Amino acid sequence: QVQLVESGGGSVQPGGSLRLSCTASGFTFSSYAMSWYRQAPGKERELVACIMSSTNYGDSVQGRFTISRDNAKNTVYLQMNSLKPDDTAVYYCGAKGYGCRYYPAYWGQGTQVTVSS
C-alpha cells in the first residue's frame, strides 16, 4: 500500500521559513523522482520543485525554496525561506515513476501553509 505523508505545514509571517517533510512507503523510493506541488484557492495545482539526480524549481520559488531527499529515510524535504503571502497554499508531495517531466503517480494528502501578518 503506497503512502505519502506530509508534515511541517503551518502559519508563518512574511519573510519567515518552514520546512516540509514527506515520508513515503509502499514503493521503491530511491527509484522515483519526488516532487512538491501546491494549490491555492481558486488556482490550479502547480509544480514547486522536483528532485531525482538533479533538481528543478518553479519560477516563483527559485532561489527561496530548496528541495532535498534522504533515500535512507524515504523522505523528501522542502525548505521554504523568505516566504510571501502568495506562497499560501496546500502543499502536496508527489512521486513520479519516470522522472521529473512526468505527472505524479502517487500523491500525499497535503499540508496547509499560510503566510500572513
C-alpha atoms as a PDB file:
ATOM      1  CA  GLN A   1       0.000   0.000   0.000  1.00  0.00           C
ATOM      2  CA  VAL A   2       1.519   3.287  -1.145  1.00  0.00           C
ATOM      3  CA  GLN A   3       1.526   6.134   1.364  1.00  0.00           C
ATOM      4  CA  LEU A   4       2.935   9.643   1.234  1.00  0.00           C
ATOM      5  CA  VAL A   5       2.575  11.540   4.490  1.00  0.00           C
ATOM      6  CA  GLU A   6       3.381  15.249   4.589  1.00  0.00           C
ATOM      7  CA  SER A   7       4.145  17.234   7.702  1.00  0.00           C
ATOM      8  CA  GLY A   8       5.572  20.605   8.709  1.00  0.00           C
ATOM      9  CA  GLY A   9       2.924  22.967   7.434  1.00  0.00           C
ATOM     10  CA  GLY A  10       1.569  25.822   9.495  1.00  0.00           C
ATOM     11  CA  SER A  11       1.236  29.565   9.762  1.00  0.00           C
ATOM     12  CA  VAL A  12       4.162  31.946   9.437  1.00  0.00           C
ATOM     13  CA  GLN A  13       4.720  35.654   8.946  1.00  0.00           C
ATOM     14  CA  PRO A  14       6.061  37.056   5.669  1.00  0.00           C
ATOM     15  CA  GLY A  15       9.805  36.606   5.484  1.00  0.00           C
ATOM     16  CA  GLY A  16       9.699  33.529   7.682  1.00  0.00           C
ATOM     17  CA  SER A  17      10.683  29.939   6.993  1.00  0.00           C
ATOM     18  CA  LEU A  18       9.116  26.498   7.117  1.00  0.00           C
ATOM     19  CA  ARG A  19      10.395  23.019   6.373  1.00  0.00           C
ATOM     20  CA  LEU A  20       8.029  20.453   4.921  1.00  0.00           C
ATOM     21  CA  SER A  21       8.660  16.723   5.068  1.00  0.00           C
ATOM     22  CA  CYS A  22       7.107  13.861   3.130  1.00  0.00           C
ATOM     23  CA  THR A  23       7.726  10.279   4.206  1.00  0.00           C
ATOM     24  CA  ALA A  24       6.940   7.538   1.721  1.00  0.00           C
ATOM     25  CA  SER A  25       6.202   3.835   1.953  1.00  0.00           C
ATOM     26  CA  GLY A  26       4.942   1.060  -0.281  1.00  0.00           C
ATOM     27  CA  PHE A  27       7.217   1.629  -3.268  1.00  0.00           C
ATOM     28  CA  THR A  28      10.931   1.828  -4.076  1.00  0.00           C
ATOM     29  CA  PHE A  29      11.520   5.419  -3.020  1.00  0.00           C
ATOM     30  CA  SER A  30      15.013   5.778  -4.467  1.00  0.00           C
ATOM     31  CA  SER A  31      13.737   4.876  -7.956  1.00  0.00           C
ATOM     32  CA  TYR A  32      11.198   7.693  -8.050  1.00  0.00           C
ATOM     33  CA  ALA A  33      11.556  11.358  -8.739  1.00  0.00           C
ATOM     34  CA  MET A  34       9.969  13.209  -5.825  1.00  0.00           C
ATOM     35  CA  SER A  35       8.179  16.493  -6.129  1.00  0.00           C
ATOM     36  CA  TRP A  36       6.270  19.178  -4.303  1.00  0.00           C
ATOM     37  CA  TYR A  37       3.211  20.846  -5.762  1.00  0.00           C
ATOM     38  CA  ARG A  38       0.923  23.466  -4.321  1.00  0.00           C
ATOM     39  CA  GLN A  39      -2.619  24.605  -4.874  1.00  0.00           C
ATOM     40  CA  ALA A  40      -4.039  27.906  -3.717  1.00  0.00           C
ATOM     41  CA  PRO A  41      -7.803  28.532  -3.519  1.00  0.00           C
ATOM     42  CA  GLY A  42      -9.264  29.069  -6.972  1.00  0.00           C
ATOM     43  CA  LYS A  43      -5.996  28.216  -8.717  1.00  0.00           C
ATOM     44  CA  GLU A  44      -4.612  25.182 -10.493  1.00  0.00           C
ATOM     45  CA  ARG A  45      -2.124  22.886  -8.830  1.00  0.00           C
ATOM     46  CA  GLU A  46       1.396  23.952  -9.787  1.00  0.00           C
ATOM     47  CA  LEU A  47       4.822  22.372  -9.590  1.00  0.00           C
ATOM     48  CA  VAL A  48       7.017  23.837  -6.861  1.00  0.00           C
ATOM     49  CA  ALA A  49      10.089  21.608  -7.071  1.00  0.00           C
ATOM     50  CA  CYS A  50      11.261  18.192  -8.171  1.00  0.00           C
ATOM     51  CA  ILE A  51      14.306  16.072  -7.389  1.00  0.00           C
ATOM     52  CA  MET A  52      15.843  12.990  -8.867  1.00  0.00           C
ATOM     53  CA  SER A  53      19.507  13.101  -9.810  1.00  0.00           C
ATOM     54  CA  SER A  54      19.090  16.849 -10.225  1.00  0.00           C
ATOM     55  CA  THR A  55      16.606  19.437  -9.073  1.00  0.00           C
ATOM     56  CA  ASN A  56      14.270  21.862 -10.752  1.00  0.00           C
ATOM     57  CA  TYR A  57      12.036  24.617  -9.401  1.00  0.00           C
ATOM     58  CA  GLY A  58       9.074  26.688 -10.355  1.00  0.00           C
ATOM     59  CA  ASP A  59       9.959  30.241 -11.344  1.00  0.00           C
ATOM     60  CA  SER A  60       8.130  31.772  -8.399  1.00  0.00           C
ATOM     61  CA  VAL A  61      10.167  29.879  -5.772  1.00  0.00           C
ATOM     62  CA  GLN A  62      13.586  29.753  -7.447  1.00  0.00           C
ATOM     63  CA  GLY A  63      16.239  30.966  -5.012  1.00  0.00           C
ATOM     64  CA  ARG A  64      13.927  30.803  -1.972  1.00  0.00           C
ATOM     65  CA  PHE A  65      12.967  27.123  -1.730  1.00  0.00           C
ATOM     66  CA  THR A  66      15.244  24.085  -1.633  1.00  0.00           C
ATOM     67  CA  ILE A  67      14.184  20.503  -2.232  1.00  0.00           C
ATOM     68  CA  SER A  68      16.240  17.613  -0.873  1.00  0.00           C
ATOM     69  CA  ARG A  69      15.823  13.918  -0.197  1.00  0.00           C
ATOM     70  CA  ASP A  70      17.130  11.238   2.141  1.00  0.00           C
ATOM     71  CA  ASN A  71      16.747   7.850   0.472  1.00  0.00           C
ATOM     72  CA  ALA A  72      17.732   6.044   3.669  1.00  0.00           C
ATOM     73  CA  LYS A  73      14.706   7.599   5.388  1.00  0.00           C
ATOM     74  CA  ASN A  74      12.366   7.502   2.366  1.00  0.00           C
ATOM     75  CA  THR A  75      11.795  11.196   2.918  1.00  0.00           C
ATOM     76  CA  VAL A  76      11.773  14.300   0.758  1.00  0.00           C
ATOM     77  CA  TYR A  77      12.018  17.802   2.198  1.00  0.00           C
ATOM     78  CA  LEU A  78      11.124  21.295   1.111  1.00  0.00           C
ATOM     79  CA  GLN A  79      12.940  24.109   2.872  1.00  0.00           C
ATOM     80  CA  MET A  80      10.994  27.313   2.302  1.00  0.00           C
ATOM     81  CA  ASN A  81      12.663  30.637   3.094  1.00  0.00           C
ATOM     82  CA  SER A  82      11.645  34.261   2.563  1.00  0.00           C
ATOM     83  CA  LEU A  83       8.019  33.222   2.480  1.00  0.00           C
ATOM     84  CA  LYS A  84       5.470  35.536   0.895  1.00  0.00           C
ATOM     85  CA  PRO A  85       1.688  35.736   1.213  1.00  0.00           C
ATOM     86  CA  ASP A  86       1.483  34.363  -2.366  1.00  0.00           C
ATOM     87  CA  ASP A  87       3.067  31.147  -1.090  1.00  0.00           C
ATOM     88  CA  THR A  88      -0.112  30.412   0.868  1.00  0.00           C
ATOM     89  CA  ALA A  89      -1.486  27.102  -0.421  1.00  0.00           C
ATOM     90  CA  VAL A  90      -1.951  23.441   0.304  1.00  0.00           C
ATOM     91  CA  TYR A  91       1.352  21.725  -0.451  1.00  0.00           C
ATOM     92  CA  TYR A  92       1.321  18.202  -1.841  1.00  0.00           C
ATOM     93  CA  CYS A  93       4.064  15.636  -2.134  1.00  0.00           C
ATOM     94  CA  GLY A  94       4.091  13.648  -5.380  1.00  0.00           C
ATOM     95  CA  ALA A  95       6.051  10.586  -6.510  1.00  0.00           C
ATOM     96  CA  LYS A  96       6.915  10.348 -10.203  1.00  0.00           C
ATOM     97  CA  GLY A  97       7.845   6.963 -11.557  1.00  0.00           C
ATOM     98  CA  TYR A  98       9.526   8.113 -14.775  1.00  0.00           C
ATOM     99  CA  GLY A  99      11.284  11.330 -13.806  1.00  0.00           C
ATOM    100  CA  CYS A 100      10.548  14.958 -13.148  1.00  0.00           C
ATOM    101  CA  ARG A 101       8.995  15.608 -16.542  1.00  0.00           C
ATOM    102  CA  TYR A 102       6.050  13.355 -15.774  1.00  0.00           C
ATOM    103  CA  TYR A 103       2.950  13.712 -13.656  1.00  0.00           C
ATOM    104  CA  PRO A 104       2.983  12.073 -10.209  1.00  0.00           C
ATOM    105  CA  ALA A 105       1.703   8.541  -9.908  1.00  0.00           C
ATOM    106  CA  TYR A 106       1.152   8.928  -6.160  1.00  0.00           C
ATOM    107  CA  TRP A 107       0.071  11.856  -4.013  1.00  0.00           C
ATOM    108  CA  GLY A 108       0.081  12.749  -0.359  1.00  0.00           C
ATOM    109  CA  GLN A 109      -2.911  14.232   1.425  1.00  0.00           C
ATOM    110  CA  GLY A 110      -1.476  17.749   1.538  1.00  0.00           C
ATOM    111  CA  THR A 111      -0.389  20.142   4.257  1.00  0.00           C
ATOM    112  CA  GLN A 112      -1.558  23.731   4.640  1.00  0.00           C
ATOM    113  CA  VAL A 113       0.927  26.596   4.541  1.00  0.00           C
ATOM    114  CA  THR A 114      -0.364  30.043   5.434  1.00  0.00           C
ATOM    115  CA  VAL A 115       1.801  33.155   5.152  1.00  0.00           C
ATOM    116  CA  SER A 116       0.188  36.158   6.757  1.00  0.00           C
ATOM    117  CA  SER A 117       0.984  39.050   9.029  1.00  0.00           C
END
